[in-house]
Amino acid sequence: ALHATRAGRAGGLPVLLHIYDVSQDSRVQGLNSLFAHRFSPLKSGIFHAGVEVAGREYSFGYCAQGSGVGISRPKGHPSHHYRETCHLSRTTLSEAEIIKVLQGMASEYPGSAYHLVRRNCCTFSDDFCQRLGVGRIPPWIYRLARLGDAVLCPLEGFEKRVGALRLSRSVASGASPVELLAGQFRSLQASEVAGTVGTHSC
């Protein structure tokens, strides 16, 4: 964490986009391996995405109440299979400014508003990256979701069948997204007041 802060002072904090195969289902992994390999002419797949900055990974997922924005260990989301990482630009925002951005997004992204196609972890990641000033995420990550209404109806049926699995919930089991996010904010703010860097892990 100290290294990340020094890097941020020198040239901005690194921003990483971690990409997962949705769920731990081997069939999804096989599908993504077929369509998302580097030689694919029309790279796409069924992905979960999370944005890592300042040593923490943030993403958006479904929950019945409260914010859908949550925190997980980088590359370690418990509900999805890690696939690869895209290295984005560095953000010039400070950790305090990043916290303010996330606090605003926490209210803008209630968990109940999650939609498998229209408002999901990829749309959140794209929005968050733009607010961090590092541009948009690679289009192949959400290409499948943008194929149009021709695929919406089948996917919505799929969403109803697997909704109980919370396919894109962005927290570890046993804690709601808003609880983890609020706790992380408190630890960061306290460490800033003390003039140190937060080293808490999720």
C-alpha atoms as a PDB file:
ATOM      1  CA  ALA A   1       0.000   0.000   0.000  1.00  0.00           C
ATOM      2  CA  LEU A   2       2.866   2.366   0.801  1.00  0.00           C
ATOM      3  CA  HIS A   3       4.433   1.611  -2.574  1.00  0.00           C
ATOM      4  CA  ALA A   4       1.135   2.371  -4.304  1.00  0.00           C
ATOM      5  CA  THR A   5       0.865   5.734  -2.535  1.00  0.00           C
ATOM      6  CA  ARG A   6       4.407   6.744  -3.490  1.00  0.00           C
ATOM      7  CA  ALA A   7       3.687   5.740  -7.076  1.00  0.00           C
ATOM      8  CA  GLY A   8       0.553   7.835  -6.952  1.00  0.00           C
ATOM      9  CA  ARG A   9       2.487  10.883  -5.785  1.00  0.00           C
ATOM     10  CA  ALA A  10       5.028  10.391  -8.559  1.00  0.00           C
ATOM     11  CA  GLY A  11       2.747   9.806 -11.526  1.00  0.00           C
ATOM     12  CA  GLY A  12      -0.704   8.711 -10.453  1.00  0.00           C
ATOM     13  CA  LEU A  13      -2.157   5.527  -8.987  1.00  0.00           C
ATOM     14  CA  PRO A  14      -2.257   2.485 -11.316  1.00  0.00           C
ATOM     15  CA  VAL A  15      -5.718   1.346 -12.414  1.00  0.00           C
ATOM     16  CA  LEU A  16      -6.230  -2.324 -13.263  1.00  0.00           C
ATOM     17  CA  LEU A  17      -9.285  -3.991 -14.766  1.00  0.00           C
ATOM     18  CA  HIS A  18      -9.693  -7.586 -13.590  1.00  0.00           C
ATOM     19  CA  ILE A  19     -11.819  -9.782 -15.834  1.00  0.00           C
ATOM     20  CA  TYR A  20     -13.529 -12.972 -14.708  1.00  0.00           C
ATOM     21  CA  ASP A  21     -15.599 -15.723 -16.276  1.00  0.00           C
ATOM     22  CA  VAL A  22     -19.065 -15.220 -14.803  1.00  0.00           C
ATOM     23  CA  SER A  23     -19.662 -17.763 -12.006  1.00  0.00           C
ATOM     24  CA  GLN A  24     -17.468 -20.800 -11.382  1.00  0.00           C
ATOM     25  CA  ASP A  25     -19.273 -22.840 -14.050  1.00  0.00           C
ATOM     26  CA  SER A  26     -16.799 -24.721 -16.255  1.00  0.00           C
ATOM     27  CA  ARG A  27     -19.155 -24.356 -19.219  1.00  0.00           C
ATOM     28  CA  VAL A  28     -18.891 -20.561 -19.031  1.00  0.00           C
ATOM     29  CA  GLN A  29     -15.110 -20.865 -18.806  1.00  0.00           C
ATOM     30  CA  GLY A  30     -15.121 -23.075 -21.902  1.00  0.00           C
ATOM     31  CA  LEU A  31     -17.342 -20.652 -23.813  1.00  0.00           C
ATOM     32  CA  ASN A  32     -15.114 -17.701 -22.929  1.00  0.00           C
ATOM     33  CA  SER A  33     -11.997 -19.659 -23.839  1.00  0.00           C
ATOM     34  CA  LEU A  34     -13.507 -20.209 -27.278  1.00  0.00           C
ATOM     35  CA  PHE A  35     -14.657 -16.645 -27.962  1.00  0.00           C
ATOM     36  CA  ALA A  36     -12.240 -14.549 -25.877  1.00  0.00           C
ATOM     37  CA  HIS A  37      -8.850 -15.881 -26.949  1.00  0.00           C
ATOM     38  CA  ARG A  38      -6.440 -13.308 -28.375  1.00  0.00           C
ATOM     39  CA  PHE A  39      -6.774 -14.547 -31.977  1.00  0.00           C
ATOM     40  CA  SER A  40     -10.569 -14.354 -32.037  1.00  0.00           C
ATOM     41  CA  PRO A  41     -11.757 -12.032 -34.863  1.00  0.00           C
ATOM     42  CA  LEU A  42     -14.729 -10.868 -32.773  1.00  0.00           C
ATOM     43  CA  LYS A  43     -13.594 -11.248 -29.192  1.00  0.00           C
ATOM     44  CA  SER A  44     -16.428 -11.450 -26.663  1.00  0.00           C
ATOM     45  CA  GLY A  45     -17.757 -13.541 -23.816  1.00  0.00           C
ATOM     46  CA  ILE A  46     -19.723 -13.582 -20.570  1.00  0.00           C
ATOM     47  CA  PHE A  47     -17.637 -11.653 -18.074  1.00  0.00           C
ATOM     48  CA  HIS A  48     -17.590 -10.127 -14.634  1.00  0.00           C
ATOM     49  CA  ALA A  49     -15.305  -7.105 -14.252  1.00  0.00           C
ATOM     50  CA  GLY A  50     -13.831  -5.272 -11.281  1.00  0.00           C
ATOM     51  CA  VAL A  51     -11.601  -2.198 -11.070  1.00  0.00           C
ATOM     52  CA  GLU A  52      -8.547  -2.227  -8.827  1.00  0.00           C
ATOM     53  CA  VAL A  53      -7.112   1.042  -7.576  1.00  0.00           C
ATOM     54  CA  ALA A  54      -5.014   1.707  -4.467  1.00  0.00           C
ATOM     55  CA  GLY A  55      -4.861  -2.012  -3.748  1.00  0.00           C
ATOM     56  CA  ARG A  56      -8.618  -2.668  -3.620  1.00  0.00           C
ATOM     57  CA  GLU A  57     -11.008  -4.058  -6.223  1.00  0.00           C
ATOM     58  CA  TYR A  58     -14.434  -2.458  -6.668  1.00  0.00           C
ATOM     59  CA  SER A  59     -17.349  -3.823  -8.645  1.00  0.00           C
ATOM     60  CA  PHE A  60     -21.127  -3.801  -8.870  1.00  0.00           C
ATOM     61  CA  GLY A  61     -23.606  -6.603  -8.350  1.00  0.00           C
ATOM     62  CA  TYR A  62     -27.076  -7.538  -7.235  1.00  0.00           C
ATOM     63  CA  CYS A  63     -28.390  -7.267  -3.691  1.00  0.00           C
ATOM     64  CA  ALA A  64     -31.965  -6.767  -2.522  1.00  0.00           C
ATOM     65  CA  GLN A  65     -31.256  -3.707  -0.365  1.00  0.00           C
ATOM     66  CA  GLY A  66     -28.583  -1.016  -0.220  1.00  0.00           C
ATOM     67  CA  SER A  67     -25.775  -0.260  -2.617  1.00  0.00           C
ATOM     68  CA  GLY A  68     -24.596  -2.843  -5.127  1.00  0.00           C
ATOM     69  CA  VAL A  69     -21.077  -1.394  -5.091  1.00  0.00           C
ATOM     70  CA  GLY A  70     -18.737  -3.638  -3.149  1.00  0.00           C
ATOM     71  CA  ILE A  71     -15.139  -4.547  -2.461  1.00  0.00           C
ATOM     72  CA  SER A  72     -13.241  -7.774  -2.960  1.00  0.00           C
ATOM     73  CA  ARG A  73      -9.625  -8.858  -2.828  1.00  0.00           C
ATOM     74  CA  PRO A  74      -7.905  -8.045  -6.171  1.00  0.00           C
ATOM     75  CA  LYS A  75      -8.234 -11.003  -8.559  1.00  0.00           C
ATOM     76  CA  GLY A  76     -10.048 -12.863  -5.806  1.00  0.00           C
ATOM     77  CA  HIS A  77     -13.787 -12.415  -6.290  1.00  0.00           C
ATOM     78  CA  PRO A  78     -15.334 -15.429  -4.548  1.00  0.00           C
ATOM     79  CA  SER A  79     -18.185 -15.934  -7.026  1.00  0.00           C
ATOM     80  CA  HIS A  80     -16.298 -15.795 -10.321  1.00  0.00           C
ATOM     81  CA  HIS A  81     -13.348 -17.414 -12.070  1.00  0.00           C
ATOM     82  CA  TYR A  82     -10.430 -15.013 -12.644  1.00  0.00           C
ATOM     83  CA  ARG A  83      -9.362 -14.835 -16.308  1.00  0.00           C
ATOM     84  CA  GLU A  84      -7.042 -11.884 -17.019  1.00  0.00           C
ATOM     85  CA  THR A  85      -6.080  -8.304 -16.194  1.00  0.00           C
ATOM     86  CA  CYS A  86      -6.065  -5.226 -18.413  1.00  0.00           C
ATOM     87  CA  HIS A  87      -3.569  -2.547 -17.351  1.00  0.00           C
ATOM     88  CA  LEU A  88      -5.185   0.853 -17.831  1.00  0.00           C
ATOM     89  CA  SER A  89      -3.713   4.323 -17.410  1.00  0.00           C
ATOM     90  CA  ARG A  90      -2.865   5.900 -14.059  1.00  0.00           C
ATOM     91  CA  THR A  91      -5.398   8.083 -12.308  1.00  0.00           C
ATOM     92  CA  THR A  92      -4.360  11.494 -11.087  1.00  0.00           C
ATOM     93  CA  LEU A  93      -7.017  11.383  -8.351  1.00  0.00           C
ATOM     94  CA  SER A  94      -5.861  11.013  -4.774  1.00  0.00           C
ATOM     95  CA  GLU A  95      -7.199   8.234  -2.557  1.00  0.00           C
ATOM     96  CA  ALA A  96      -9.444  10.787  -0.819  1.00  0.00           C
ATOM     97  CA  GLU A  97     -10.872  11.871  -4.183  1.00  0.00           C
ATOM     98  CA  ILE A  98     -11.388   8.253  -5.208  1.00  0.00           C
ATOM     99  CA  ILE A  99     -13.343   7.664  -2.006  1.00  0.00           C
ATOM    100  CA  LYS A 100     -15.621  10.614  -2.818  1.00  0.00           C
ATOM    101  CA  VAL A 101     -16.223   9.222  -6.313  1.00  0.00           C
ATOM    102  CA  LEU A 102     -17.133   5.822  -4.867  1.00  0.00           C
ATOM    103  CA  GLN A 103     -19.392   7.321  -2.233  1.00  0.00           C
ATOM    104  CA  GLY A 104     -21.358   9.037  -4.994  1.00  0.00           C
ATOM    105  CA  MET A 105     -21.489   5.899  -7.114  1.00  0.00           C
ATOM    106  CA  ALA A 106     -22.618   3.812  -4.142  1.00  0.00           C
ATOM    107  CA  SER A 107     -25.879   5.772  -4.087  1.00  0.00           C
ATOM    108  CA  GLU A 108     -26.173   5.827  -7.883  1.00  0.00           C
ATOM    109  CA  TYR A 109     -25.836   2.044  -8.142  1.00  0.00           C
ATOM    110  CA  PRO A 110     -28.343   0.377  -5.774  1.00  0.00           C
ATOM    111  CA  GLY A 111     -28.096  -3.386  -5.814  1.00  0.00           C
ATOM    112  CA  SER A 112     -31.746  -3.742  -6.779  1.00  0.00           C
ATOM    113  CA  ALA A 113     -31.045  -1.853 -10.042  1.00  0.00           C
ATOM    114  CA  TYR A 114     -28.631  -4.525 -11.256  1.00  0.00           C
ATOM    115  CA  HIS A 115     -29.521  -5.937 -14.674  1.00  0.00           C
ATOM    116  CA  LEU A 116     -27.644  -8.795 -16.290  1.00  0.00           C
ATOM    117  CA  VAL A 117     -27.415  -6.956 -19.631  1.00  0.00           C
ATOM    118  CA  ARG A 118     -28.260  -3.259 -19.282  1.00  0.00           C
ATOM    119  CA  ARG A 119     -26.742  -2.248 -15.932  1.00  0.00           C
ATOM    120  CA  ASN A 120     -24.133  -4.665 -14.697  1.00  0.00           C
ATOM    121  CA  CYS A 121     -20.569  -4.962 -13.420  1.00  0.00           C
ATOM    122  CA  CYS A 122     -19.171  -3.995 -16.832  1.00  0.00           C
ATOM    123  CA  THR A 123     -21.234  -0.816 -17.141  1.00  0.00           C
ATOM    124  CA  PHE A 124     -20.195   0.130 -13.599  1.00  0.00           C
ATOM    125  CA  SER A 125     -16.514  -0.551 -14.339  1.00  0.00           C
ATOM    126  CA  ASP A 126     -16.721   1.530 -17.519  1.00  0.00           C
ATOM    127  CA  ASP A 127     -18.342   4.414 -15.627  1.00  0.00           C
ATOM    128  CA  PHE A 128     -15.865   4.196 -12.736  1.00  0.00           C
ATOM    129  CA  CYS A 129     -12.855   4.165 -15.068  1.00  0.00           C
ATOM    130  CA  GLN A 130     -14.111   7.267 -16.859  1.00  0.00           C
ATOM    131  CA  ARG A 131     -14.555   9.067 -13.536  1.00  0.00           C
ATOM    132  CA  LEU A 132     -11.022   8.042 -12.615  1.00  0.00           C
ATOM    133  CA  GLY A 133      -9.899   9.740 -15.831  1.00  0.00           C
ATOM    134  CA  VAL A 134      -8.411   6.624 -17.442  1.00  0.00           C
ATOM    135  CA  GLY A 135     -10.867   6.243 -20.316  1.00  0.00           C
ATOM    136  CA  ARG A 136     -13.294   3.454 -21.141  1.00  0.00           C
ATOM    137  CA  ILE A 137     -12.807  -0.262 -20.642  1.00  0.00           C
ATOM    138  CA  PRO A 138     -12.048  -2.387 -23.742  1.00  0.00           C
ATOM    139  CA  PRO A 139     -15.278  -2.845 -25.765  1.00  0.00           C
ATOM    140  CA  TRP A 140     -14.904  -6.618 -26.148  1.00  0.00           C
ATOM    141  CA  ILE A 141     -15.634  -7.027 -22.433  1.00  0.00           C
ATOM    142  CA  TYR A 142     -19.235  -5.866 -22.846  1.00  0.00           C
ATOM    143  CA  ARG A 143     -19.690  -6.612 -26.559  1.00  0.00           C
ATOM    144  CA  LEU A 144     -22.096  -9.476 -25.902  1.00  0.00           C
ATOM    145  CA  ALA A 145     -24.316  -7.220 -23.782  1.00  0.00           C
ATOM    146  CA  ARG A 146     -24.491  -4.696 -26.630  1.00  0.00           C
ATOM    147  CA  LEU A 147     -25.554  -7.039 -29.394  1.00  0.00           C
ATOM    148  CA  GLY A 148     -29.043  -5.608 -29.058  1.00  0.00           C
ATOM    149  CA  ASP A 149     -32.579  -6.546 -28.220  1.00  0.00           C
ATOM    150  CA  ALA A 150     -32.283  -9.740 -30.246  1.00  0.00           C
ATOM    151  CA  VAL A 151     -30.488 -11.368 -27.315  1.00  0.00           C
ATOM    152  CA  LEU A 152     -32.180  -9.543 -24.457  1.00  0.00           C
ATOM    153  CA  CYS A 153     -35.214 -11.770 -24.043  1.00  0.00           C
ATOM    154  CA  PRO A 154     -33.296 -15.065 -23.819  1.00  0.00           C
ATOM    155  CA  LEU A 155     -30.793 -13.500 -21.451  1.00  0.00           C
ATOM    156  CA  GLU A 156     -33.520 -12.110 -19.241  1.00  0.00           C
ATOM    157  CA  GLY A 157     -34.976 -15.598 -18.940  1.00  0.00           C
ATOM    158  CA  PHE A 158     -31.512 -16.842 -18.026  1.00  0.00           C
ATOM    159  CA  GLU A 159     -31.207 -14.069 -15.463  1.00  0.00           C
ATOM    160  CA  LYS A 160     -34.400 -15.161 -13.715  1.00  0.00           C
ATOM    161  CA  ARG A 161     -33.220 -18.765 -13.543  1.00  0.00           C
ATOM    162  CA  VAL A 162     -29.823 -17.920 -12.067  1.00  0.00           C
ATOM    163  CA  GLY A 163     -30.746 -14.833 -10.082  1.00  0.00           C
ATOM    164  CA  ALA A 164     -30.513 -16.702  -6.799  1.00  0.00           C
ATOM    165  CA  LEU A 165     -26.857 -17.349  -7.520  1.00  0.00           C
ATOM    166  CA  ARG A 166     -26.111 -13.599  -7.392  1.00  0.00           C
ATOM    167  CA  LEU A 167     -23.828 -14.036 -10.397  1.00  0.00           C
ATOM    168  CA  SER A 168     -22.161 -10.683 -10.113  1.00  0.00           C
ATOM    169  CA  ARG A 169     -22.325  -9.915  -6.409  1.00  0.00           C
ATOM    170  CA  SER A 170     -19.191  -8.022  -5.599  1.00  0.00           C
ATOM    171  CA  VAL A 171     -18.510  -9.008  -2.024  1.00  0.00           C
ATOM    172  CA  ALA A 172     -17.436 -12.029  -0.046  1.00  0.00           C
ATOM    173  CA  SER A 173     -20.114 -14.190   1.559  1.00  0.00           C
ATOM    174  CA  GLY A 174     -21.655 -12.984   4.792  1.00  0.00           C
ATOM    175  CA  ALA A 175     -21.505  -9.199   4.306  1.00  0.00           C
ATOM    176  CA  SER A 176     -23.534  -6.821   2.197  1.00  0.00           C
ATOM    177  CA  PRO A 177     -21.844  -4.519  -0.354  1.00  0.00           C
ATOM    178  CA  VAL A 178     -22.800  -1.379   1.528  1.00  0.00           C
ATOM    179  CA  GLU A 179     -21.393  -2.739   4.815  1.00  0.00           C
ATOM    180  CA  LEU A 180     -18.039  -3.533   3.259  1.00  0.00           C
ATOM    181  CA  LEU A 181     -17.899  -0.257   1.368  1.00  0.00           C
ATOM    182  CA  ALA A 182     -18.745   1.822   4.425  1.00  0.00           C
ATOM    183  CA  GLY A 183     -16.141  -0.024   6.498  1.00  0.00           C
ATOM    184  CA  GLN A 184     -13.486   0.519   3.862  1.00  0.00           C
ATOM    185  CA  PHE A 185     -14.288   4.239   3.726  1.00  0.00           C
ATOM    186  CA  ARG A 186     -13.890   4.553   7.481  1.00  0.00           C
ATOM    187  CA  SER A 187     -10.501   2.811   7.501  1.00  0.00           C
ATOM    188  CA  LEU A 188      -9.184   4.969   4.672  1.00  0.00           C
ATOM    189  CA  GLN A 189     -10.367   8.213   6.225  1.00  0.00           C
ATOM    190  CA  ALA A 190      -8.902   7.301   9.593  1.00  0.00           C
ATOM    191  CA  SER A 191      -5.543   6.435   8.075  1.00  0.00           C
ATOM    192  CA  GLU A 192      -5.462   9.688   6.128  1.00  0.00           C
ATOM    193  CA  VAL A 193      -6.046  11.707   9.289  1.00  0.00           C
ATOM    194  CA  ALA A 194      -3.186   9.849  10.926  1.00  0.00           C
ATOM    195  CA  GLY A 195      -0.931  10.574   7.963  1.00  0.00           C
ATOM    196  CA  THR A 196      -0.509   6.899   7.098  1.00  0.00           C
ATOM    197  CA  VAL A 197      -1.658   4.583   4.366  1.00  0.00           C
ATOM    198  CA  GLY A 198      -4.483   2.133   4.992  1.00  0.00           C
ATOM    199  CA  THR A 199      -3.306  -1.472   4.947  1.00  0.00           C
ATOM    200  CA  HIS A 200      -6.597  -3.212   5.751  1.00  0.00           C
ATOM    201  CA  SER A 201      -7.513  -6.112   3.490  1.00  0.00           C
ATOM    202  CA  CYS A 202     -10.964  -7.372   2.616  1.00  0.00           C
END
